[in-house]
Amino acid sequence: MAVFVVGDVTVPHATEMIRKYFGNLKNPVNERPRTDYRIAPYADKKTMVITDFEASSYRFSLLFPARTTAKQQTWPTSVNSLSGTFSYKA
């Protein structure tokens, strides 16, 4: 579980609110197993062009092939994985 705090708030106040609303949560005794769903990498290149004459803006999407990655097992590896997702590294 992760909690993100965004806005005009001080660290002590945010910490207090997080502890107030989430402090009593505990890991379950009999944790359910996580199912790892695999997606096969793309076998070939495909292109699709869709035109909507009523659209008021443009959008371009570039999708990369699905690749197998290591499962996130520990808190530090999960944080490292998320940090690349939510922030831009120049």
PDB file of N, CA and C in Angstrom:
ATOM      1  N   MET A   1       0.846  -1.171   0.000  1.00  0.00           N
ATOM      2  CA  MET A   1       0.000   0.000   0.000  1.00  0.00           C
ATOM      3  C   MET A   1       0.888   1.229   0.000  1.00  0.00           C
ATOM      4  N   ALA A   2       0.451   2.253  -0.662  1.00  0.00           N
ATOM      5  CA  ALA A   2       1.176   3.515  -0.685  1.00  0.00           C
ATOM      6  C   ALA A   2       0.193   4.649  -0.465  1.00  0.00           C
ATOM      7  N   VAL A   3       0.642   5.686   0.191  1.00  0.00           N
ATOM      8  CA  VAL A   3      -0.168   6.879   0.409  1.00  0.00           C
ATOM      9  C   VAL A   3       0.622   8.060  -0.133  1.00  0.00           C
ATOM     10  N   PHE A   4       0.019   8.815  -1.032  1.00  0.00           N
ATOM     11  CA  PHE A   4       0.647  10.007  -1.582  1.00  0.00           C
ATOM     12  C   PHE A   4      -0.068  11.220  -1.027  1.00  0.00           C
ATOM     13  N   VAL A   5       0.700  12.188  -0.556  1.00  0.00           N
ATOM     14  CA  VAL A   5       0.137  13.420  -0.025  1.00  0.00           C
ATOM     15  C   VAL A   5       0.575  14.554  -0.940  1.00  0.00           C
ATOM     16  N   VAL A   6      -0.387  15.271  -1.467  1.00  0.00           N
ATOM     17  CA  VAL A   6      -0.107  16.359  -2.386  1.00  0.00           C
ATOM     18  C   VAL A   6      -0.888  17.577  -1.935  1.00  0.00           C
ATOM     19  N   GLY A   7      -0.239  18.727  -1.951  1.00  0.00           N
ATOM     20  CA  GLY A   7      -0.960  19.949  -1.635  1.00  0.00           C
ATOM     21  C   GLY A   7      -0.228  20.800  -0.626  1.00  0.00           C
ATOM     22  N   ASP A   8      -0.914  21.821  -0.192  1.00  0.00           N
ATOM     23  CA  ASP A   8      -0.347  22.783   0.751  1.00  0.00           C
ATOM     24  C   ASP A   8      -0.573  22.259   2.169  1.00  0.00           C
ATOM     25  N   VAL A   9       0.322  21.367   2.602  1.00  0.00           N
ATOM     26  CA  VAL A   9       0.185  20.727   3.906  1.00  0.00           C
ATOM     27  C   VAL A   9       1.585  20.539   4.493  1.00  0.00           C
ATOM     28  N   THR A  10       1.685  20.651   5.785  1.00  0.00           N
ATOM     29  CA  THR A  10       2.987  20.460   6.442  1.00  0.00           C
ATOM     30  C   THR A  10       3.220  18.974   6.678  1.00  0.00           C
ATOM     31  N   VAL A  11       4.470  18.602   6.810  1.00  0.00           N
ATOM     32  CA  VAL A  11       4.813  17.198   7.055  1.00  0.00           C
ATOM     33  C   VAL A  11       4.192  16.702   8.365  1.00  0.00           C
ATOM     34  N   PRO A  12       4.287  17.456   9.472  1.00  0.00           N
ATOM     35  CA  PRO A  12       3.666  16.950  10.713  1.00  0.00           C
ATOM     36  C   PRO A  12       2.147  16.746  10.583  1.00  0.00           C
ATOM     37  N   HIS A  13       1.465  17.679   9.901  1.00  0.00           N
ATOM     38  CA  HIS A  13       0.018  17.532   9.744  1.00  0.00           C
ATOM     39  C   HIS A  13      -0.313  16.334   8.856  1.00  0.00           C
ATOM     40  N   ALA A  14       0.439  16.157   7.774  1.00  0.00           N
ATOM     41  CA  ALA A  14       0.211  15.017   6.881  1.00  0.00           C
ATOM     42  C   ALA A  14       0.454  13.704   7.624  1.00  0.00           C
ATOM     43  N   THR A  15       1.533  13.653   8.396  1.00  0.00           N
ATOM     44  CA  THR A  15       1.842  12.443   9.168  1.00  0.00           C
ATOM     45  C   THR A  15       0.726  12.132  10.152  1.00  0.00           C
ATOM     46  N   GLU A  16       0.218  13.154  10.821  1.00  0.00           N
ATOM     47  CA  GLU A  16      -0.876  12.978  11.781  1.00  0.00           C
ATOM     48  C   GLU A  16      -2.128  12.423  11.094  1.00  0.00           C
ATOM     49  N   MET A  17      -2.471  12.972   9.935  1.00  0.00           N
ATOM     50  CA  MET A  17      -3.666  12.521   9.224  1.00  0.00           C
ATOM     51  C   MET A  17      -3.501  11.090   8.698  1.00  0.00           C
ATOM     52  N   ILE A  18      -2.308  10.768   8.209  1.00  0.00           N
ATOM     53  CA  ILE A  18      -2.063   9.409   7.728  1.00  0.00           C
ATOM     54  C   ILE A  18      -2.188   8.417   8.870  1.00  0.00           C
ATOM     55  N   ARG A  19      -1.609   8.737   9.999  1.00  0.00           N
ATOM     56  CA  ARG A  19      -1.705   7.834  11.159  1.00  0.00           C
ATOM     57  C   ARG A  19      -3.142   7.719  11.653  1.00  0.00           C
ATOM     58  N   LYS A  20      -3.895   8.820  11.581  1.00  0.00           N
ATOM     59  CA  LYS A  20      -5.278   8.812  12.043  1.00  0.00           C
ATOM     60  C   LYS A  20      -6.136   7.883  11.185  1.00  0.00           C
ATOM     61  N   TYR A  21      -5.994   7.979   9.861  1.00  0.00           N
ATOM     62  CA  TYR A  21      -6.874   7.229   8.970  1.00  0.00           C
ATOM     63  C   TYR A  21      -6.338   5.857   8.550  1.00  0.00           C
ATOM     64  N   PHE A  22      -5.026   5.667   8.609  1.00  0.00           N
ATOM     65  CA  PHE A  22      -4.447   4.411   8.143  1.00  0.00           C
ATOM     66  C   PHE A  22      -3.636   3.673   9.209  1.00  0.00           C
ATOM     67  N   GLY A  23      -3.466   4.265  10.383  1.00  0.00           N
ATOM     68  CA  GLY A  23      -2.604   3.696  11.410  1.00  0.00           C
ATOM     69  C   GLY A  23      -3.048   2.354  11.956  1.00  0.00           C
ATOM     70  N   ASN A  24      -4.326   2.058  11.897  1.00  0.00           N
ATOM     71  CA  ASN A  24      -4.829   0.802  12.450  1.00  0.00           C
ATOM     72  C   ASN A  24      -4.806  -0.360  11.458  1.00  0.00           C
ATOM     73  N   LEU A  25      -4.421  -0.094  10.219  1.00  0.00           N
ATOM     74  CA  LEU A  25      -4.387  -1.169   9.224  1.00  0.00           C
ATOM     75  C   LEU A  25      -3.229  -2.106   9.498  1.00  0.00           C
ATOM     76  N   LYS A  26      -3.496  -3.389   9.415  1.00  0.00           N
ATOM     77  CA  LYS A  26      -2.479  -4.420   9.640  1.00  0.00           C
ATOM     78  C   LYS A  26      -2.492  -5.384   8.471  1.00  0.00           C
ATOM     79  N   ASN A  27      -1.371  -6.040   8.227  1.00  0.00           N
ATOM     80  CA  ASN A  27      -1.315  -7.076   7.200  1.00  0.00           C
ATOM     81  C   ASN A  27      -2.177  -8.251   7.634  1.00  0.00           C
ATOM     82  N   PRO A  28      -2.899  -8.870   6.705  1.00  0.00           N
ATOM     83  CA  PRO A  28      -3.742 -10.013   7.074  1.00  0.00           C
ATOM     84  C   PRO A  28      -2.882 -11.200   7.491  1.00  0.00           C
ATOM     85  N   VAL A  29      -3.417 -12.009   8.406  1.00  0.00           N
ATOM     86  CA  VAL A  29      -2.694 -13.182   8.881  1.00  0.00           C
ATOM     87  C   VAL A  29      -2.511 -14.182   7.740  1.00  0.00           C
ATOM     88  N   ASN A  30      -3.577 -14.429   6.992  1.00  0.00           N
ATOM     89  CA  ASN A  30      -3.527 -15.349   5.850  1.00  0.00           C
ATOM     90  C   ASN A  30      -3.593 -14.533   4.565  1.00  0.00           C
ATOM     91  N   GLU A  31      -2.450 -13.999   4.179  1.00  0.00           N
ATOM     92  CA  GLU A  31      -2.398 -13.147   2.999  1.00  0.00           C
ATOM     93  C   GLU A  31      -2.715 -13.952   1.739  1.00  0.00           C
ATOM     94  N   ARG A  32      -3.553 -13.370   0.872  1.00  0.00           N
ATOM     95  CA  ARG A  32      -3.893 -14.035  -0.385  1.00  0.00           C
ATOM     96  C   ARG A  32      -2.694 -13.994  -1.329  1.00  0.00           C
ATOM     97  N   PRO A  33      -2.472 -15.063  -2.079  1.00  0.00           N
ATOM     98  CA  PRO A  33      -1.354 -15.049  -3.028  1.00  0.00           C
ATOM     99  C   PRO A  33      -1.633 -14.079  -4.175  1.00  0.00           C
ATOM    100  N   ARG A  34      -0.573 -13.447  -4.670  1.00  0.00           N
ATOM    101  CA  ARG A  34      -0.702 -12.548  -5.814  1.00  0.00           C
ATOM    102  C   ARG A  34      -0.559 -13.353  -7.099  1.00  0.00           C
ATOM    103  N   THR A  35      -1.489 -13.171  -8.010  1.00  0.00           N
ATOM    104  CA  THR A  35      -1.426 -13.846  -9.296  1.00  0.00           C
ATOM    105  C   THR A  35      -0.604 -12.986 -10.253  1.00  0.00           C
ATOM    106  N   ASP A  36       0.371 -13.594 -10.881  1.00  0.00           N
ATOM    107  CA  ASP A  36       1.236 -12.886 -11.828  1.00  0.00           C
ATOM    108  C   ASP A  36       0.759 -13.205 -13.238  1.00  0.00           C
ATOM    109  N   TYR A  37       0.081 -12.245 -13.870  1.00  0.00           N
ATOM    110  CA  TYR A  37      -0.433 -12.443 -15.221  1.00  0.00           C
ATOM    111  C   TYR A  37       0.630 -12.033 -16.227  1.00  0.00           C
ATOM    112  N   ARG A  38       0.980 -12.932 -17.108  1.00  0.00           N
ATOM    113  CA  ARG A  38       1.999 -12.670 -18.116  1.00  0.00           C
ATOM    114  C   ARG A  38       1.350 -12.254 -19.434  1.00  0.00           C
ATOM    115  N   ILE A  39       1.943 -11.268 -20.091  1.00  0.00           N
ATOM    116  CA  ILE A  39       1.508 -10.818 -21.411  1.00  0.00           C
ATOM    117  C   ILE A  39       2.642 -11.121 -22.373  1.00  0.00           C
ATOM    118  N   ALA A  40       2.346 -11.841 -23.415  1.00  0.00           N
ATOM    119  CA  ALA A  40       3.376 -12.212 -24.377  1.00  0.00           C
ATOM    120  C   ALA A  40       3.838 -10.978 -25.156  1.00  0.00           C
ATOM    121  N   PRO A  41       5.138 -10.893 -25.444  1.00  0.00           N
ATOM    122  CA  PRO A  41       5.630  -9.769 -26.264  1.00  0.00           C
ATOM    123  C   PRO A  41       4.983  -9.786 -27.646  1.00  0.00           C
ATOM    124  N   TYR A  42       4.916  -8.616 -28.262  1.00  0.00           N
ATOM    125  CA  TYR A  42       4.332  -8.517 -29.598  1.00  0.00           C
ATOM    126  C   TYR A  42       5.141  -9.347 -30.581  1.00  0.00           C
ATOM    127  N   ALA A  43       4.455 -10.067 -31.451  1.00  0.00           N
ATOM    128  CA  ALA A  43       5.131 -10.921 -32.424  1.00  0.00           C
ATOM    129  C   ALA A  43       5.521 -10.145 -33.683  1.00  0.00           C
ATOM    130  N   ASP A  44       4.778  -9.081 -33.994  1.00  0.00           N
ATOM    131  CA  ASP A  44       5.100  -8.299 -35.185  1.00  0.00           C
ATOM    132  C   ASP A  44       4.717  -6.839 -34.970  1.00  0.00           C
ATOM    133  N   LYS A  45       5.120  -5.982 -35.912  1.00  0.00           N
ATOM    134  CA  LYS A  45       4.825  -4.554 -35.820  1.00  0.00           C
ATOM    135  C   LYS A  45       3.456  -4.283 -36.409  1.00  0.00           C
ATOM    136  N   LYS A  46       2.703  -3.420 -35.760  1.00  0.00           N
ATOM    137  CA  LYS A  46       1.368  -3.068 -36.233  1.00  0.00           C
ATOM    138  C   LYS A  46       1.191  -1.558 -36.158  1.00  0.00           C
ATOM    139  N   THR A  47       0.423  -1.026 -37.081  1.00  0.00           N
ATOM    140  CA  THR A  47       0.155   0.404 -37.117  1.00  0.00           C
ATOM    141  C   THR A  47      -1.345   0.607 -37.259  1.00  0.00           C
ATOM    142  N   MET A  48      -1.858   1.639 -36.575  1.00  0.00           N
ATOM    143  CA  MET A  48      -3.269   1.959 -36.681  1.00  0.00           C
ATOM    144  C   MET A  48      -3.416   3.472 -36.705  1.00  0.00           C
ATOM    145  N   VAL A  49      -4.156   3.995 -37.655  1.00  0.00           N
ATOM    146  CA  VAL A  49      -4.444   5.420 -37.727  1.00  0.00           C
ATOM    147  C   VAL A  49      -5.951   5.579 -37.612  1.00  0.00           C
ATOM    148  N   ILE A  50      -6.377   6.360 -36.621  1.00  0.00           N
ATOM    149  CA  ILE A  50      -7.803   6.585 -36.397  1.00  0.00           C
ATOM    150  C   ILE A  50      -8.057   8.085 -36.513  1.00  0.00           C
ATOM    151  N   THR A  51      -9.065   8.463 -37.278  1.00  0.00           N
ATOM    152  CA  THR A  51      -9.381   9.873 -37.477  1.00  0.00           C
ATOM    153  C   THR A  51     -10.780  10.151 -36.966  1.00  0.00           C
ATOM    154  N   ASP A  52     -10.900  11.220 -36.186  1.00  0.00           N
ATOM    155  CA  ASP A  52     -12.199  11.660 -35.693  1.00  0.00           C
ATOM    156  C   ASP A  52     -12.331  13.130 -36.059  1.00  0.00           C
ATOM    157  N   PHE A  53     -13.170  13.451 -37.031  1.00  0.00           N
ATOM    158  CA  PHE A  53     -13.282  14.823 -37.527  1.00  0.00           C
ATOM    159  C   PHE A  53     -13.923  15.752 -36.508  1.00  0.00           C
ATOM    160  N   GLU A  54     -14.564  15.223 -35.484  1.00  0.00           N
ATOM    161  CA  GLU A  54     -15.177  16.044 -34.450  1.00  0.00           C
ATOM    162  C   GLU A  54     -14.226  16.321 -33.283  1.00  0.00           C
ATOM    163  N   ALA A  55     -13.086  15.673 -33.269  1.00  0.00           N
ATOM    164  CA  ALA A  55     -12.130  15.854 -32.171  1.00  0.00           C
ATOM    165  C   ALA A  55     -11.570  17.273 -32.195  1.00  0.00           C
ATOM    166  N   SER A  56     -11.374  17.833 -30.999  1.00  0.00           N
ATOM    167  CA  SER A  56     -10.867  19.203 -30.899  1.00  0.00           C
ATOM    168  C   SER A  56      -9.388  19.247 -30.523  1.00  0.00           C
ATOM    169  N   SER A  57      -8.735  18.108 -30.447  1.00  0.00           N
ATOM    170  CA  SER A  57      -7.312  18.074 -30.103  1.00  0.00           C
ATOM    171  C   SER A  57      -6.661  16.872 -30.772  1.00  0.00           C
ATOM    172  N   TYR A  58      -5.339  16.806 -30.636  1.00  0.00           N
ATOM    173  CA  TYR A  58      -4.589  15.704 -31.225  1.00  0.00           C
ATOM    174  C   TYR A  58      -3.947  14.887 -30.117  1.00  0.00           C
ATOM    175  N   ARG A  59      -3.753  13.606 -30.367  1.00  0.00           N
ATOM    176  CA  ARG A  59      -3.058  12.757 -29.407  1.00  0.00           C
ATOM    177  C   ARG A  59      -2.255  11.720 -30.176  1.00  0.00           C
ATOM    178  N   PHE A  60      -1.054  11.492 -29.696  1.00  0.00           N
ATOM    179  CA  PHE A  60      -0.164  10.516 -30.302  1.00  0.00           C
ATOM    180  C   PHE A  60       0.249   9.527 -29.223  1.00  0.00           C
ATOM    181  N   SER A  61       0.134   8.236 -29.483  1.00  0.00           N
ATOM    182  CA  SER A  61       0.542   7.214 -28.527  1.00  0.00           C
ATOM    183  C   SER A  61       1.566   6.302 -29.182  1.00  0.00           C
ATOM    184  N   LEU A  62       2.637   6.067 -28.470  1.00  0.00           N
ATOM    185  CA  LEU A  62       3.665   5.135 -28.923  1.00  0.00           C
ATOM    186  C   LEU A  62       3.734   4.027 -27.890  1.00  0.00           C
ATOM    187  N   LEU A  63       3.391   2.815 -28.286  1.00  0.00           N
ATOM    188  CA  LEU A  63       3.360   1.689 -27.367  1.00  0.00           C
ATOM    189  C   LEU A  63       4.573   0.807 -27.593  1.00  0.00           C
ATOM    190  N   PHE A  64       5.244   0.456 -26.528  1.00  0.00           N
ATOM    191  CA  PHE A  64       6.426  -0.387 -26.606  1.00  0.00           C
ATOM    192  C   PHE A  64       6.043  -1.848 -26.399  1.00  0.00           C
ATOM    193  N   PRO A  65       6.841  -2.758 -26.904  1.00  0.00           N
ATOM    194  CA  PRO A  65       6.529  -4.183 -26.711  1.00  0.00           C
ATOM    195  C   PRO A  65       6.496  -4.562 -25.228  1.00  0.00           C
ATOM    196  N   ALA A  66       5.643  -5.506 -24.908  1.00  0.00           N
ATOM    197  CA  ALA A  66       5.597  -6.016 -23.537  1.00  0.00           C
ATOM    198  C   ALA A  66       6.867  -6.813 -23.275  1.00  0.00           C
ATOM    199  N   ARG A  67       7.485  -6.559 -22.144  1.00  0.00           N
ATOM    200  CA  ARG A  67       8.699  -7.284 -21.780  1.00  0.00           C
ATOM    201  C   ARG A  67       8.533  -7.860 -20.380  1.00  0.00           C
ATOM    202  N   THR A  68       9.125  -8.993 -20.161  1.00  0.00           N
ATOM    203  CA  THR A  68       9.088  -9.607 -18.838  1.00  0.00           C
ATOM    204  C   THR A  68      10.000  -8.842 -17.899  1.00  0.00           C
ATOM    205  N   THR A  69       9.503  -8.516 -16.731  1.00  0.00           N
ATOM    206  CA  THR A  69      10.299  -7.830 -15.720  1.00  0.00           C
ATOM    207  C   THR A  69      10.292  -8.660 -14.444  1.00  0.00           C
ATOM    208  N   ALA A  70      11.256  -8.385 -13.594  1.00  0.00           N
ATOM    209  CA  ALA A  70      11.336  -9.095 -12.317  1.00  0.00           C
ATOM    210  C   ALA A  70      10.196  -8.644 -11.408  1.00  0.00           C
ATOM    211  N   LYS A  71       9.660  -9.561 -10.636  1.00  0.00           N
ATOM    212  CA  LYS A  71       8.614  -9.224  -9.678  1.00  0.00           C
ATOM    213  C   LYS A  71       9.204  -8.351  -8.568  1.00  0.00           C
ATOM    214  N   GLN A  72       8.415  -7.384  -8.116  1.00  0.00           N
ATOM    215  CA  GLN A  72       8.842  -6.506  -7.032  1.00  0.00           C
ATOM    216  C   GLN A  72       8.593  -7.238  -5.711  1.00  0.00           C
ATOM    217  N   GLN A  73       9.656  -7.615  -5.035  1.00  0.00           N
ATOM    218  CA  GLN A  73       9.518  -8.419  -3.831  1.00  0.00           C
ATOM    219  C   GLN A  73       9.674  -7.622  -2.538  1.00  0.00           C
ATOM    220  N   THR A  74      10.450  -6.554  -2.571  1.00  0.00           N
ATOM    221  CA  THR A  74      10.736  -5.832  -1.333  1.00  0.00           C
ATOM    222  C   THR A  74      10.304  -4.383  -1.453  1.00  0.00           C
ATOM    223  N   TRP A  75      10.178  -3.729  -0.333  1.00  0.00           N
ATOM    224  CA  TRP A  75       9.795  -2.330  -0.306  1.00  0.00           C
ATOM    225  C   TRP A  75      10.777  -1.466  -1.091  1.00  0.00           C
ATOM    226  N   PRO A  76      12.101  -1.558  -0.899  1.00  0.00           N
ATOM    227  CA  PRO A  76      13.015  -0.703  -1.673  1.00  0.00           C
ATOM    228  C   PRO A  76      12.918  -0.914  -3.182  1.00  0.00           C
ATOM    229  N   THR A  77      12.750  -2.158  -3.642  1.00  0.00           N
ATOM    230  CA  THR A  77      12.646  -2.366  -5.086  1.00  0.00           C
ATOM    231  C   THR A  77      11.331  -1.802  -5.622  1.00  0.00           C
ATOM    232  N   SER A  78      10.277  -1.862  -4.843  1.00  0.00           N
ATOM    233  CA  SER A  78       9.006  -1.277  -5.264  1.00  0.00           C
ATOM    234  C   SER A  78       9.108   0.237  -5.355  1.00  0.00           C
ATOM    235  N   VAL A  79       9.757   0.865  -4.384  1.00  0.00           N
ATOM    236  CA  VAL A  79       9.925   2.319  -4.391  1.00  0.00           C
ATOM    237  C   VAL A  79      10.762   2.740  -5.593  1.00  0.00           C
ATOM    238  N   ASN A  80      11.843   2.016  -5.864  1.00  0.00           N
ATOM    239  CA  ASN A  80      12.679   2.347  -7.015  1.00  0.00           C
ATOM    240  C   ASN A  80      11.886   2.226  -8.309  1.00  0.00           C
ATOM    241  N   SER A  81      11.040   1.247  -8.412  1.00  0.00           N
ATOM    242  CA  SER A  81      10.225   1.063  -9.604  1.00  0.00           C
ATOM    243  C   SER A  81       9.231   2.206  -9.769  1.00  0.00           C
ATOM    244  N   LEU A  82       8.580   2.600  -8.677  1.00  0.00           N
ATOM    245  CA  LEU A  82       7.595   3.673  -8.734  1.00  0.00           C
ATOM    246  C   LEU A  82       8.228   5.027  -8.996  1.00  0.00           C
ATOM    247  N   SER A  83       9.430   5.260  -8.487  1.00  0.00           N
ATOM    248  CA  SER A  83      10.052   6.574  -8.653  1.00  0.00           C
ATOM    249  C   SER A  83      10.279   6.893 -10.121  1.00  0.00           C
ATOM    250  N   GLY A  84      10.546   5.892 -10.929  1.00  0.00           N
ATOM    251  CA  GLY A  84      10.708   6.121 -12.359  1.00  0.00           C
ATOM    252  C   GLY A  84       9.381   6.344 -13.054  1.00  0.00           C
ATOM    253  N   THR A  85       8.301   5.857 -12.463  1.00  0.00           N
ATOM    254  CA  THR A  85       6.982   6.001 -13.051  1.00  0.00           C
ATOM    255  C   THR A  85       6.403   7.391 -12.827  1.00  0.00           C
ATOM    256  N   PHE A  86       6.616   7.962 -11.638  1.00  0.00           N
ATOM    257  CA  PHE A  86       5.976   9.207 -11.282  1.00  0.00           C
ATOM    258  C   PHE A  86       6.843  10.444 -11.446  1.00  0.00           C
ATOM    259  N   SER A  87       8.094  10.264 -11.798  1.00  0.00           N
ATOM    260  CA  SER A  87       8.959  11.435 -11.920  1.00  0.00           C
ATOM    261  C   SER A  87       9.740  11.377 -13.224  1.00  0.00           C
ATOM    262  N   TYR A  88      10.135  12.535 -13.681  1.00  0.00           N
ATOM    263  CA  TYR A  88      10.913  12.628 -14.903  1.00  0.00           C
ATOM    264  C   TYR A  88      12.378  12.763 -14.544  1.00  0.00           C
ATOM    265  N   LYS A  89      13.208  11.898 -15.097  1.00  0.00           N
ATOM    266  CA  LYS A  89      14.644  11.963 -14.838  1.00  0.00           C
ATOM    267  C   LYS A  89      15.323  12.494 -16.085  1.00  0.00           C
ATOM    268  N   ALA A  90      15.995  13.628 -15.963  1.00  0.00           N
ATOM    269  CA  ALA A  90      16.661  14.239 -17.118  1.00  0.00           C
ATOM    270  C   ALA A  90      18.005  13.596 -17.364  1.00  0.00           C
TER     271      ALA A  90
END
